[in-house]
C-alpha atoms as a PDB file:
ATOM      1  CA  UNK A   1      -0.189   0.072   0.304  1.00  0.00           C
ATOM      2  CA  UNK A   2       1.198   3.667  -0.618  1.00  0.00           C
ATOM      3  CA  UNK A   3       2.211   5.517   1.975  1.00  0.00           C
ATOM      4  CA  UNK A   4      -0.415   8.447   1.146  1.00  0.00           C
ATOM      5  CA  UNK A   5      -3.145   5.384   1.606  1.00  0.00           C
ATOM      6  CA  UNK A   6      -1.877   4.347   4.802  1.00  0.00           C
ATOM      7  CA  UNK A   7      -1.508   8.152   6.160  1.00  0.00           C
ATOM      8  CA  UNK A   8      -5.410   8.796   4.979  1.00  0.00           C
ATOM      9  CA  UNK A   9      -7.926   8.207   7.730  1.00  0.00           C
ATOM     10  CA  UNK A  10     -10.472   7.755   4.765  1.00  0.00           C
ATOM     11  CA  UNK A  11      -8.213   4.490   3.654  1.00  0.00           C
ATOM     12  CA  UNK A  12      -9.580   1.487   5.347  1.00  0.00           C
ATOM     13  CA  UNK A  13      -6.811  -1.458   5.114  1.00  0.00           C
ATOM     14  CA  UNK A  14      -8.861  -5.154   4.177  1.00  0.00           C
ATOM     15  CA  UNK A  15      -9.030  -6.938   7.360  1.00  0.00           C
ATOM     16  CA  UNK A  16      -7.330  -9.838   5.587  1.00  0.00           C
ATOM     17  CA  UNK A  17      -3.895  -8.059   5.191  1.00  0.00           C
ATOM     18  CA  UNK A  18      -3.855  -6.773   8.916  1.00  0.00           C
ATOM     19  CA  UNK A  19      -4.509  -9.805  10.108  1.00  0.00           C
ATOM     20  CA  UNK A  20      -1.888 -11.563   7.820  1.00  0.00           C
ATOM     21  CA  UNK A  21       0.576  -8.634   9.184  1.00  0.00           C
ATOM     22  CA  UNK A  22      -0.142  -9.917  12.535  1.00  0.00           C
ATOM     23  CA  UNK A  23       0.409 -13.695  11.625  1.00  0.00           C
ATOM     24  CA  UNK A  24       3.587 -12.831  10.278  1.00  0.00           C
ATOM     25  CA  UNK A  25       4.749 -10.597  13.451  1.00  0.00           C
ATOM     26  CA  UNK A  26       4.277 -13.386  15.659  1.00  0.00           C
ATOM     27  CA  UNK A  27       6.050 -15.685  13.868  1.00  0.00           C
ATOM     28  CA  UNK A  28       9.401 -13.810  14.910  1.00  0.00           C
ATOM     29  CA  UNK A  29       8.571 -12.567  18.210  1.00  0.00           C
ATOM     30  CA  UNK A  30       5.910 -13.962  20.960  1.00  0.00           C
ATOM     31  CA  UNK A  31       2.381 -12.413  20.936  1.00  0.00           C
ATOM     32  CA  UNK A  32       3.039 -10.477  23.918  1.00  0.00           C
ATOM     33  CA  UNK A  33       5.895  -8.482  22.104  1.00  0.00           C
ATOM     34  CA  UNK A  34       3.838  -7.648  19.533  1.00  0.00           C
ATOM     35  CA  UNK A  35       0.970  -6.259  21.840  1.00  0.00           C
ATOM     36  CA  UNK A  36       3.580  -4.045  23.950  1.00  0.00           C
ATOM     37  CA  UNK A  37       5.091  -2.922  20.779  1.00  0.00           C
ATOM     38  CA  UNK A  38       2.166  -1.443  19.186  1.00  0.00           C
ATOM     39  CA  UNK A  39       0.984  -0.278  21.894  1.00  0.00           C
ATOM     40  CA  UNK A  40       4.011   1.960  22.626  1.00  0.00           C
ATOM     41  CA  UNK A  41       3.797   3.190  19.144  1.00  0.00           C
ATOM     42  CA  UNK A  42       0.321   4.300  19.349  1.00  0.00           C
ATOM     43  CA  UNK A  43       0.591   8.045  20.401  1.00  0.00           C
ATOM     44  CA  UNK A  44      -2.334  10.191  20.348  1.00  0.00           C
ATOM     45  CA  UNK A  45      -3.550  10.848  16.371  1.00  0.00           C
ATOM     46  CA  UNK A  46      -1.965   7.613  15.307  1.00  0.00           C
ATOM     47  CA  UNK A  47      -5.596   6.163  14.942  1.00  0.00           C
ATOM     48  CA  UNK A  48      -7.485   9.409  13.860  1.00  0.00           C
ATOM     49  CA  UNK A  49     -10.443  10.684  14.953  1.00  0.00           C
ATOM     50  CA  UNK A  50     -11.217   7.991  17.031  1.00  0.00           C
ATOM     51  CA  UNK A  51      -8.237   8.739  19.765  1.00  0.00           C
ATOM     52  CA  UNK A  52      -9.759  12.138  20.028  1.00  0.00           C
ATOM     53  CA  UNK A  53     -13.045  11.062  20.791  1.00  0.00           C
ATOM     54  CA  UNK A  54     -11.800   9.319  24.054  1.00  0.00           C
ATOM     55  CA  UNK A  55      -8.972  12.103  25.062  1.00  0.00           C
ATOM     56  CA  UNK A  56     -11.463  15.547  23.999  1.00  0.00           C
ATOM     57  CA  UNK A  57     -14.689  14.227  25.901  1.00  0.00           C
ATOM     58  CA  UNK A  58     -15.808  15.935  29.332  1.00  0.00           C
ATOM     59  CA  UNK A  59     -14.992  12.541  30.792  1.00  0.00           C
ATOM     60  CA  UNK A  60     -12.684   9.823  30.007  1.00  0.00           C
ATOM     61  CA  UNK A  61     -16.103   7.892  30.520  1.00  0.00           C
ATOM     62  CA  UNK A  62     -17.695   9.738  27.936  1.00  0.00           C
ATOM     63  CA  UNK A  63     -15.188   9.515  25.475  1.00  0.00           C
ATOM     64  CA  UNK A  64     -14.775   5.594  25.853  1.00  0.00           C
ATOM     65  CA  UNK A  65     -18.532   4.961  25.244  1.00  0.00           C
ATOM     66  CA  UNK A  66     -17.765   7.545  22.100  1.00  0.00           C
ATOM     67  CA  UNK A  67     -14.994   5.019  21.062  1.00  0.00           C
ATOM     68  CA  UNK A  68     -17.200   2.068  20.964  1.00  0.00           C
ATOM     69  CA  UNK A  69     -19.883   3.822  19.569  1.00  0.00           C
ATOM     70  CA  UNK A  70     -17.689   4.585  16.806  1.00  0.00           C
ATOM     71  CA  UNK A  71     -15.248   1.752  16.830  1.00  0.00           C
ATOM     72  CA  UNK A  72     -16.044   0.921  13.185  1.00  0.00           C
ATOM     73  CA  UNK A  73     -13.684   3.765  12.216  1.00  0.00           C
ATOM     74  CA  UNK A  74     -10.404   1.816  13.101  1.00  0.00           C
ATOM     75  CA  UNK A  75     -11.428  -1.476  13.003  1.00  0.00           C
ATOM     76  CA  UNK A  76     -13.792  -4.217  11.120  1.00  0.00           C
ATOM     77  CA  UNK A  77     -16.774  -4.993  12.838  1.00  0.00           C
ATOM     78  CA  UNK A  78     -16.808  -8.242  11.159  1.00  0.00           C
ATOM     79  CA  UNK A  79     -13.469  -9.628  12.930  1.00  0.00           C
ATOM     80  CA  UNK A  80     -13.380  -7.228  16.159  1.00  0.00           C
ATOM     81  CA  UNK A  81     -15.811  -5.143  18.458  1.00  0.00           C
ATOM     82  CA  UNK A  82     -15.734  -2.942  21.617  1.00  0.00           C
ATOM     83  CA  UNK A  83     -18.208  -3.407  24.577  1.00  0.00           C
ATOM     84  CA  UNK A  84     -18.396  -0.931  27.484  1.00  0.00           C
ATOM     85  CA  UNK A  85     -19.993  -2.581  30.623  1.00  0.00           C
ATOM     86  CA  UNK A  86     -21.009  -0.263  33.639  1.00  0.00           C
ATOM     87  CA  UNK A  87     -21.588  -2.105  36.755  1.00  0.00           C
ATOM     88  CA  UNK A  88     -21.956  -0.180  40.269  1.00  0.00           C
ATOM     89  CA  UNK A  89     -18.893   1.132  40.972  1.00  0.00           C
ATOM     90  CA  UNK A  90     -16.861  -0.502  37.870  1.00  0.00           C
ATOM     91  CA  UNK A  91     -16.506  -0.179  34.069  1.00  0.00           C
ATOM     92  CA  UNK A  92     -14.987  -2.914  31.948  1.00  0.00           C
ATOM     93  CA  UNK A  93     -14.446  -2.378  28.474  1.00  0.00           C
ATOM     94  CA  UNK A  94     -14.350  -5.556  26.598  1.00  0.00           C
ATOM     95  CA  UNK A  95     -12.571  -6.275  23.047  1.00  0.00           C
ATOM     96  CA  UNK A  96     -14.446  -9.181  21.419  1.00  0.00           C
ATOM     97  CA  UNK A  97     -12.653 -11.191  19.115  1.00  0.00           C
ATOM     98  CA  UNK A  98     -13.705 -14.437  18.266  1.00  0.00           C
ATOM     99  CA  UNK A  99     -10.717 -16.255  16.828  1.00  0.00           C
ATOM    100  CA  UNK A 100      -9.672 -19.225  18.907  1.00  0.00           C
ATOM    101  CA  UNK A 101      -7.282 -18.249  22.207  1.00  0.00           C
ATOM    102  CA  UNK A 102      -4.513 -20.866  20.300  1.00  0.00           C
ATOM    103  CA  UNK A 103      -4.237 -17.863  17.560  1.00  0.00           C
ATOM    104  CA  UNK A 104      -1.158 -16.200  18.116  1.00  0.00           C
ATOM    105  CA  UNK A 105      -2.045 -13.091  16.114  1.00  0.00           C
ATOM    106  CA  UNK A 106      -5.301 -13.015  17.320  1.00  0.00           C
ATOM    107  CA  UNK A 107      -3.771 -13.192  21.086  1.00  0.00           C
ATOM    108  CA  UNK A 108      -1.697 -10.244  20.213  1.00  0.00           C
ATOM    109  CA  UNK A 109      -4.484  -8.060  18.765  1.00  0.00           C
ATOM    110  CA  UNK A 110      -6.353  -8.493  22.259  1.00  0.00           C
ATOM    111  CA  UNK A 111      -3.697  -7.858  24.139  1.00  0.00           C
ATOM    112  CA  UNK A 112      -2.619  -4.509  22.292  1.00  0.00           C
ATOM    113  CA  UNK A 113      -6.385  -3.648  22.072  1.00  0.00           C
ATOM    114  CA  UNK A 114      -6.423  -3.843  26.258  1.00  0.00           C
ATOM    115  CA  UNK A 115      -3.110  -1.917  26.551  1.00  0.00           C
ATOM    116  CA  UNK A 116      -4.616   0.851  23.975  1.00  0.00           C
ATOM    117  CA  UNK A 117      -7.526   1.280  25.958  1.00  0.00           C
ATOM    118  CA  UNK A 118      -5.530   1.971  29.115  1.00  0.00           C
ATOM    119  CA  UNK A 119      -3.458   4.128  27.540  1.00  0.00           C
ATOM    120  CA  UNK A 120      -5.752   6.430  25.863  1.00  0.00           C
ATOM    121  CA  UNK A 121      -8.254   6.603  29.080  1.00  0.00           C
ATOM    122  CA  UNK A 122      -4.859   7.477  31.152  1.00  0.00           C
ATOM    123  CA  UNK A 123      -4.112  10.542  28.310  1.00  0.00           C
ATOM    124  CA  UNK A 124      -7.432  11.520  28.978  1.00  0.00           C
ATOM    125  CA  UNK A 125      -7.726  11.573  32.703  1.00  0.00           C
ATOM    126  CA  UNK A 126      -4.372  13.435  32.455  1.00  0.00           C
ATOM    127  CA  UNK A 127      -2.973  10.645  35.312  1.00  0.00           C
ATOM    128  CA  UNK A 128      -1.999   7.075  35.406  1.00  0.00           C
ATOM    129  CA  UNK A 129      -4.453   4.897  35.715  1.00  0.00           C
ATOM    130  CA  UNK A 130      -4.565   1.341  37.302  1.00  0.00           C
ATOM    131  CA  UNK A 131      -7.113  -1.372  36.456  1.00  0.00           C
ATOM    132  CA  UNK A 132      -8.839  -3.534  38.787  1.00  0.00           C
ATOM    133  CA  UNK A 133      -8.275  -6.552  36.648  1.00  0.00           C
ATOM    134  CA  UNK A 134      -7.275  -7.840  33.502  1.00  0.00           C
ATOM    135  CA  UNK A 135      -8.738 -10.531  31.572  1.00  0.00           C
ATOM    136  CA  UNK A 136      -7.224 -12.245  27.939  1.00  0.00           C
ATOM    137  CA  UNK A 137      -8.682 -14.670  25.874  1.00  0.00           C
ATOM    138  CA  UNK A 138      -5.166 -16.222  25.544  1.00  0.00           C
ATOM    139  CA  UNK A 139      -3.096 -19.029  26.558  1.00  0.00           C
ATOM    140  CA  UNK A 140      -0.430 -18.236  29.647  1.00  0.00           C
ATOM    141  CA  UNK A 141       2.797 -17.354  28.148  1.00  0.00           C
ATOM    142  CA  UNK A 142       5.847 -18.141  29.977  1.00  0.00           C
ATOM    143  CA  UNK A 143       6.469 -14.395  31.002  1.00  0.00           C
ATOM    144  CA  UNK A 144       4.764 -11.645  30.792  1.00  0.00           C
ATOM    145  CA  UNK A 145       6.701  -9.196  32.691  1.00  0.00           C
ATOM    146  CA  UNK A 146       6.189  -7.024  29.472  1.00  0.00           C
ATOM    147  CA  UNK A 147       2.120  -7.241  30.017  1.00  0.00           C
ATOM    148  CA  UNK A 148       2.246  -6.555  33.595  1.00  0.00           C
ATOM    149  CA  UNK A 149       4.310  -3.048  32.874  1.00  0.00           C
ATOM    150  CA  UNK A 150       1.520  -2.374  29.794  1.00  0.00           C
ATOM    151  CA  UNK A 151      -1.263  -2.949  32.110  1.00  0.00           C
ATOM    152  CA  UNK A 152       0.071  -1.288  35.177  1.00  0.00           C
ATOM    153  CA  UNK A 153      -1.264  -4.353  37.349  1.00  0.00           C
ATOM    154  CA  UNK A 154      -0.119  -8.011  38.030  1.00  0.00           C
ATOM    155  CA  UNK A 155      -4.238  -8.942  38.299  1.00  0.00           C
ATOM    156  CA  UNK A 156      -3.853 -10.471  34.896  1.00  0.00           C
ATOM    157  CA  UNK A 157      -6.368 -13.720  34.103  1.00  0.00           C
ATOM    158  CA  UNK A 158      -5.256 -15.964  31.189  1.00  0.00           C
ATOM    159  CA  UNK A 159      -7.474 -18.440  29.033  1.00  0.00           C
ATOM    160  CA  UNK A 160     -10.512 -16.335  30.024  1.00  0.00           C
ATOM    161  CA  UNK A 161     -13.318 -16.270  28.341  1.00  0.00           C
ATOM    162  CA  UNK A 162     -13.279 -13.053  26.878  1.00  0.00           C
ATOM    163  CA  UNK A 163     -10.593 -10.453  26.953  1.00  0.00           C
ATOM    164  CA  UNK A 164     -11.695  -7.128  29.253  1.00  0.00           C
ATOM    165  CA  UNK A 165     -10.180  -4.444  31.115  1.00  0.00           C
ATOM    166  CA  UNK A 166     -11.905  -3.434  34.145  1.00  0.00           C
ATOM    167  CA  UNK A 167     -11.722   0.371  36.086  1.00  0.00           C
ATOM    168  CA  UNK A 168     -13.243   1.881  39.062  1.00  0.00           C
ATOM    169  CA  UNK A 169     -16.355   4.229  37.726  1.00  0.00           C
ATOM    170  CA  UNK A 170     -14.759   6.979  39.570  1.00  0.00           C
ATOM    171  CA  UNK A 171     -11.183   6.848  37.533  1.00  0.00           C
ATOM    172  CA  UNK A 172     -13.022   7.471  34.617  1.00  0.00           C
ATOM    173  CA  UNK A 173     -16.149   9.691  35.733  1.00  0.00           C
ATOM    174  CA  UNK A 174     -14.033  13.186  36.905  1.00  0.00           C
ATOM    175  CA  UNK A 175     -13.582  15.572  34.497  1.00  0.00           C
ATOM    176  CA  UNK A 176     -11.077  15.581  31.804  1.00  0.00           C
ATOM    177  CA  UNK A 177      -8.419  18.174  31.948  1.00  0.00           C
ATOM    178  CA  UNK A 178      -7.955  18.700  28.115  1.00  0.00           C
ATOM    179  CA  UNK A 179     -11.852  18.402  27.423  1.00  0.00           C
ATOM    180  CA  UNK A 180     -13.683  21.364  25.398  1.00  0.00           C
ATOM    181  CA  UNK A 181     -17.429  22.221  25.496  1.00  0.00           C
ATOM    182  CA  UNK A 182     -19.059  21.222  22.085  1.00  0.00           C
ATOM    183  CA  UNK A 183     -15.959  19.300  20.242  1.00  0.00           C
ATOM    184  CA  UNK A 184     -16.980  15.964  21.136  1.00  0.00           C
ATOM    185  CA  UNK A 185     -20.510  16.609  19.185  1.00  0.00           C
ATOM    186  CA  UNK A 186     -18.603  17.660  16.351  1.00  0.00           C
ATOM    187  CA  UNK A 187     -15.845  14.742  16.728  1.00  0.00           C
ATOM    188  CA  UNK A 188     -18.877  12.111  16.572  1.00  0.00           C
ATOM    189  CA  UNK A 189     -20.165  14.246  13.695  1.00  0.00           C
ATOM    190  CA  UNK A 190     -16.818  14.002  11.743  1.00  0.00           C
ATOM    191  CA  UNK A 191     -16.431   9.914  12.862  1.00  0.00           C
ATOM    192  CA  UNK A 192     -19.763   9.382  11.041  1.00  0.00           C
ATOM    193  CA  UNK A 193     -18.998  11.436   7.872  1.00  0.00           C
ATOM    194  CA  UNK A 194     -15.287   9.254   7.664  1.00  0.00           C
ATOM    195  CA  UNK A 195     -17.629   5.921   8.173  1.00  0.00           C
ATOM    196  CA  UNK A 196     -19.723   7.177   5.223  1.00  0.00           C
ATOM    197  CA  UNK A 197     -17.068   8.108   2.913  1.00  0.00           C
ATOM    198  CA  UNK A 198     -14.402   5.399   3.667  1.00  0.00           C
ATOM    199  CA  UNK A 199     -12.505   4.234   0.775  1.00  0.00           C
ATOM    200  CA  UNK A 200     -12.163   0.351   1.337  1.00  0.00           C
ATOM    201  CA  UNK A 201      -8.484  -0.359  -0.127  1.00  0.00           C
ATOM    202  CA  UNK A 202      -7.640  -3.871  -2.183  1.00  0.00           C
ATOM    203  CA  UNK A 203      -5.804  -6.509  -1.043  1.00  0.00           C
ATOM    204  CA  UNK A 204      -2.694  -7.555  -3.267  1.00  0.00           C
ATOM    205  CA  UNK A 205      -4.824  -9.796  -5.827  1.00  0.00           C
ATOM    206  CA  UNK A 206      -7.250  -6.986  -6.315  1.00  0.00           C
ATOM    207  CA  UNK A 207      -4.398  -4.876  -7.147  1.00  0.00           C
ATOM    208  CA  UNK A 208      -2.524  -6.789  -9.816  1.00  0.00           C
ATOM    209  CA  UNK A 209      -5.993  -7.669 -11.867  1.00  0.00           C
ATOM    210  CA  UNK A 210      -6.641  -3.791 -11.663  1.00  0.00           C
ATOM    211  CA  UNK A 211      -3.288  -3.389 -13.245  1.00  0.00           C
ATOM    212  CA  UNK A 212      -3.608  -6.263 -15.587  1.00  0.00           C
ATOM    213  CA  UNK A 213      -7.064  -5.460 -17.087  1.00  0.00           C
ATOM    214  CA  UNK A 214      -5.657  -1.873 -17.748  1.00  0.00           C
ATOM    215  CA  UNK A 215      -2.647  -3.078 -19.397  1.00  0.00           C
ATOM    216  CA  UNK A 216      -5.068  -5.534 -21.723  1.00  0.00           C
ATOM    217  CA  UNK A 217      -6.896  -2.437 -22.746  1.00  0.00           C
ATOM    218  CA  UNK A 218      -4.188  -0.641 -23.936  1.00  0.00           C
ATOM    219  CA  UNK A 219      -3.173  -3.831 -25.720  1.00  0.00           C
ATOM    220  CA  UNK A 220      -2.106  -7.754 -25.570  1.00  0.00           C
ATOM    221  CA  UNK A 221      -0.163  -7.213 -21.667  1.00  0.00           C
ATOM    222  CA  UNK A 222       3.011  -8.949 -20.952  1.00  0.00           C
ATOM    223  CA  UNK A 223       4.242 -10.114 -17.363  1.00  0.00           C
ATOM    224  CA  UNK A 224       7.521  -7.416 -17.597  1.00  0.00           C
ATOM    225  CA  UNK A 225       4.782  -4.659 -18.645  1.00  0.00           C
ATOM    226  CA  UNK A 226       2.496  -5.427 -15.793  1.00  0.00           C
ATOM    227  CA  UNK A 227       5.186  -5.731 -13.394  1.00  0.00           C
ATOM    228  CA  UNK A 228       6.610  -2.250 -14.208  1.00  0.00           C
ATOM    229  CA  UNK A 229       3.217  -1.040 -13.510  1.00  0.00           C
ATOM    230  CA  UNK A 230       3.353  -2.120 -10.105  1.00  0.00           C
ATOM    231  CA  UNK A 231       6.786  -1.187  -9.629  1.00  0.00           C
ATOM    232  CA  UNK A 232       8.380  -5.083  -9.183  1.00  0.00           C
ATOM    233  CA  UNK A 233      10.200  -6.852 -11.314  1.00  0.00           C
ATOM    234  CA  UNK A 234       8.763 -10.054 -13.445  1.00  0.00           C
ATOM    235  CA  UNK A 235      10.486 -12.661 -11.360  1.00  0.00           C
ATOM    236  CA  UNK A 236       8.671 -11.295  -8.082  1.00  0.00           C
ATOM    237  CA  UNK A 237       5.569 -10.681 -10.027  1.00  0.00           C
ATOM    238  CA  UNK A 238       5.338 -14.034 -10.762  1.00  0.00           C
ATOM    239  CA  UNK A 239       6.242 -15.187  -7.213  1.00  0.00           C
ATOM    240  CA  UNK A 240       3.667 -13.167  -5.806  1.00  0.00           C
ATOM    241  CA  UNK A 241       1.099 -14.481  -7.866  1.00  0.00           C
ATOM    242  CA  UNK A 242       2.345 -18.042  -6.821  1.00  0.00           C
ATOM    243  CA  UNK A 243       2.110 -16.653  -3.331  1.00  0.00           C
ATOM    244  CA  UNK A 244      -1.326 -16.494  -3.649  1.00  0.00           C
ATOM    245  CA  UNK A 245      -2.206 -19.537  -5.530  1.00  0.00           C
ATOM    246  CA  UNK A 246      -2.341 -18.297  -9.294  1.00  0.00           C
ATOM    247  CA  UNK A 247      -0.366 -17.731 -12.058  1.00  0.00           C
ATOM    248  CA  UNK A 248       0.261 -15.280 -15.063  1.00  0.00           C
ATOM    249  CA  UNK A 249      -1.012 -17.672 -17.779  1.00  0.00           C
ATOM    250  CA  UNK A 250      -4.360 -18.203 -15.702  1.00  0.00           C
ATOM    251  CA  UNK A 251      -4.788 -14.565 -14.692  1.00  0.00           C
ATOM    252  CA  UNK A 252      -4.359 -13.540 -18.799  1.00  0.00           C
ATOM    253  CA  UNK A 253      -7.000 -16.111 -19.588  1.00  0.00           C
ATOM    254  CA  UNK A 254      -9.296 -14.648 -17.051  1.00  0.00           C
ATOM    255  CA  UNK A 255      -9.180 -11.393 -18.207  1.00  0.00           C
ATOM    256  CA  UNK A 256      -9.538 -12.256 -21.938  1.00  0.00           C
ATOM    257  CA  UNK A 257     -12.185 -14.491 -21.260  1.00  0.00           C
ATOM    258  CA  UNK A 258     -14.502 -11.609 -19.498  1.00  0.00           C
ATOM    259  CA  UNK A 259     -13.108  -9.334 -22.227  1.00  0.00           C
ATOM    260  CA  UNK A 260     -14.610 -11.466 -24.590  1.00  0.00           C
ATOM    261  CA  UNK A 261     -17.922 -11.857 -23.004  1.00  0.00           C
ATOM    262  CA  UNK A 262     -18.361  -8.565 -22.478  1.00  0.00           C
ATOM    263  CA  UNK A 263     -17.628  -7.768 -26.284  1.00  0.00           C
ATOM    264  CA  UNK A 264     -20.124 -10.464 -27.485  1.00  0.00           C
ATOM    265  CA  UNK A 265     -23.087  -9.081 -24.779  1.00  0.00           C
ATOM    266  CA  UNK A 266     -22.516  -5.334 -25.432  1.00  0.00           C
ATOM    267  CA  UNK A 267     -21.038  -4.898 -28.904  1.00  0.00           C
ATOM    268  CA  UNK A 268     -22.089  -6.444 -32.412  1.00  0.00           C
ATOM    269  CA  UNK A 269     -18.913  -6.624 -33.781  1.00  0.00           C
ATOM    270  CA  UNK A 270     -18.329  -9.895 -35.600  1.00  0.00           C
ATOM    271  CA  UNK A 271     -16.265 -13.022 -34.342  1.00  0.00           C
ATOM    272  CA  UNK A 272     -13.457 -12.180 -36.780  1.00  0.00           C
ATOM    273  CA  UNK A 273     -13.085  -8.515 -35.192  1.00  0.00           C
ATOM    274  CA  UNK A 274     -13.430  -9.469 -31.763  1.00  0.00           C
ATOM    275  CA  UNK A 275     -10.734 -12.161 -32.260  1.00  0.00           C
ATOM    276  CA  UNK A 276      -8.585  -9.710 -33.772  1.00  0.00           C
ATOM    277  CA  UNK A 277      -9.198  -7.558 -30.563  1.00  0.00           C
ATOM    278  CA  UNK A 278      -8.532 -10.287 -28.120  1.00  0.00           C
ATOM    279  CA  UNK A 279      -5.099 -11.632 -29.409  1.00  0.00           C
ATOM    280  CA  UNK A 280      -6.226 -14.440 -31.300  1.00  0.00           C
ATOM    281  CA  UNK A 281      -4.804 -15.727 -34.543  1.00  0.00           C
ATOM    282  CA  UNK A 282      -8.031 -16.008 -36.241  1.00  0.00           C
ATOM    283  CA  UNK A 283     -12.270 -16.742 -35.246  1.00  0.00           C
ATOM    284  CA  UNK A 284     -11.500 -20.563 -35.127  1.00  0.00           C
ATOM    285  CA  UNK A 285      -9.062 -20.013 -32.294  1.00  0.00           C
ATOM    286  CA  UNK A 286     -11.628 -17.634 -30.810  1.00  0.00           C
ATOM    287  CA  UNK A 287     -14.643 -20.403 -30.924  1.00  0.00           C
ATOM    288  CA  UNK A 288     -12.209 -22.934 -29.458  1.00  0.00           C
ATOM    289  CA  UNK A 289     -11.424 -21.047 -26.656  1.00  0.00           C
ATOM    290  CA  UNK A 290     -15.051 -20.252 -25.938  1.00  0.00           C
ATOM    291  CA  UNK A 291     -16.354 -23.772 -25.800  1.00  0.00           C
ATOM    292  CA  UNK A 292     -13.307 -24.678 -23.380  1.00  0.00           C
ATOM    293  CA  UNK A 293     -14.859 -21.902 -21.214  1.00  0.00           C
ATOM    294  CA  UNK A 294     -18.666 -21.906 -21.790  1.00  0.00           C
ATOM    295  CA  UNK A 295     -19.250 -24.898 -23.352  1.00  0.00           C
ATOM    296  CA  UNK A 296     -21.208 -23.154 -26.081  1.00  0.00           C
ATOM    297  CA  UNK A 297     -20.425 -21.069 -29.271  1.00  0.00           C
ATOM    298  CA  UNK A 298     -19.791 -17.303 -29.389  1.00  0.00           C
ATOM    299  CA  UNK A 299     -23.280 -16.730 -31.170  1.00  0.00           C
ATOM    300  CA  UNK A 300     -24.941 -18.964 -28.366  1.00  0.00           C
ATOM    301  CA  UNK A 301     -23.586 -17.017 -25.779  1.00  0.00           C
ATOM    302  CA  UNK A 302     -24.116 -13.805 -27.368  1.00  0.00           C
ATOM    303  CA  UNK A 303     -28.313 -14.736 -27.360  1.00  0.00           C
ATOM    304  CA  UNK A 304     -27.810 -15.967 -24.073  1.00  0.00           C
ATOM    305  CA  UNK A 305     -26.459 -12.750 -22.645  1.00  0.00           C
ATOM    306  CA  UNK A 306     -28.750 -10.530 -24.459  1.00  0.00           C
ATOM    307  CA  UNK A 307     -31.996 -12.730 -23.784  1.00  0.00           C
ATOM    308  CA  UNK A 308     -31.023 -12.347 -20.168  1.00  0.00           C
ATOM    309  CA  UNK A 309     -31.324  -8.480 -20.205  1.00  0.00           C
ATOM    310  CA  UNK A 310     -34.506  -8.630 -22.059  1.00  0.00           C
ATOM    311  CA  UNK A 311     -36.036 -11.100 -18.959  1.00  0.00           C
ATOM    312  CA  UNK A 312     -34.642  -8.018 -16.751  1.00  0.00           C
ATOM    313  CA  UNK A 313     -35.744  -5.583 -18.755  1.00  0.00           C
ATOM    314  CA  UNK A 314     -32.694  -3.592 -19.508  1.00  0.00           C
END
C-alpha cells in the first residue's frame, strides 16, 4: 500500500491484510511483545478521530463510550468489536474477537487493544490509571512481565472466556483536563462522515488484476509491462502470484475471457473482429476458447446474454 493511503483516515486497510501482518509478526516474536510494541507506538493521533473521541470528551468515561460507538473507524466490526459494561462502581471495557485462544496473532491483537484502551484513558484523565483486573482470551505465556508493565497491574487472568479490562467508575468519571465544550459533538459527526465516505483499500490480488485489466485495455499485456506498472520485477510478480495460488497465464486467460464475453454481450462486432481485438490468430481459435470456457459457441453466448438482459428489462 502506498504511504499516502496508509496516512489517510478515509482509506481502510483490508482485514485480511491486517490479520496477515499480525500473523507474520508473531512468527518472529511472541504475541506479548507484539501487543506491547503496538501499544507503545500508538501515540495520540495514530488512530485518527477515534483517539480524539476519547481524549477530548468531558470525562474519560464519556470518551470511551463514544469510542465504542464509533469503533468501526479503526477496525472491521466483522472481526473485532468493543463493548462497555457499567456495573455500579466498575466499568469493564471488553474487546470482542472470536478467533481461538491458540491463534497467536489474535492474542496479540487482543493484548494490544486492552493496552491501548488503558493508555488512551490515562491520557484523557491526565494521570496514570491502574485497572482493577485484566482478562485475556489467550493462553498463559511463559513470561508476561511486559504485560504487567503495559497494564499497570499483576492482576492478569489468562485463558478467560473474553478479553476485558476493568476500572473503577470514579477513575473514569472525573472531568477530563483537556475537554473542550462542544468538541465531542463535532468529533462524533466527523467520525460518522468518515465512515460514510471511507474508501476500502483492495488486497494485492485485486491491485494486480486492476493493473492487468488496464494493460489489457491498451493492448496485449505482458508480464514485464504489468510488473513495471506495479513497480516490481517480473520474477517478483510471478512469485507473488504463486503465493496467492495463481499464475500469470491463468490471470491473463481470465481477463481475456471476461473481455470477450463483454464484447459479445455489449457490441455487434463480428467474431473475427473480437478475435483480432483479443489477441487470437483467427475466429476459429476464439471459438475453441469460448467452447472450452463456456461449453457453447460465441453466437449462443451472445444470444444468452441478450436474452438475460431482455428478461431483466434492460
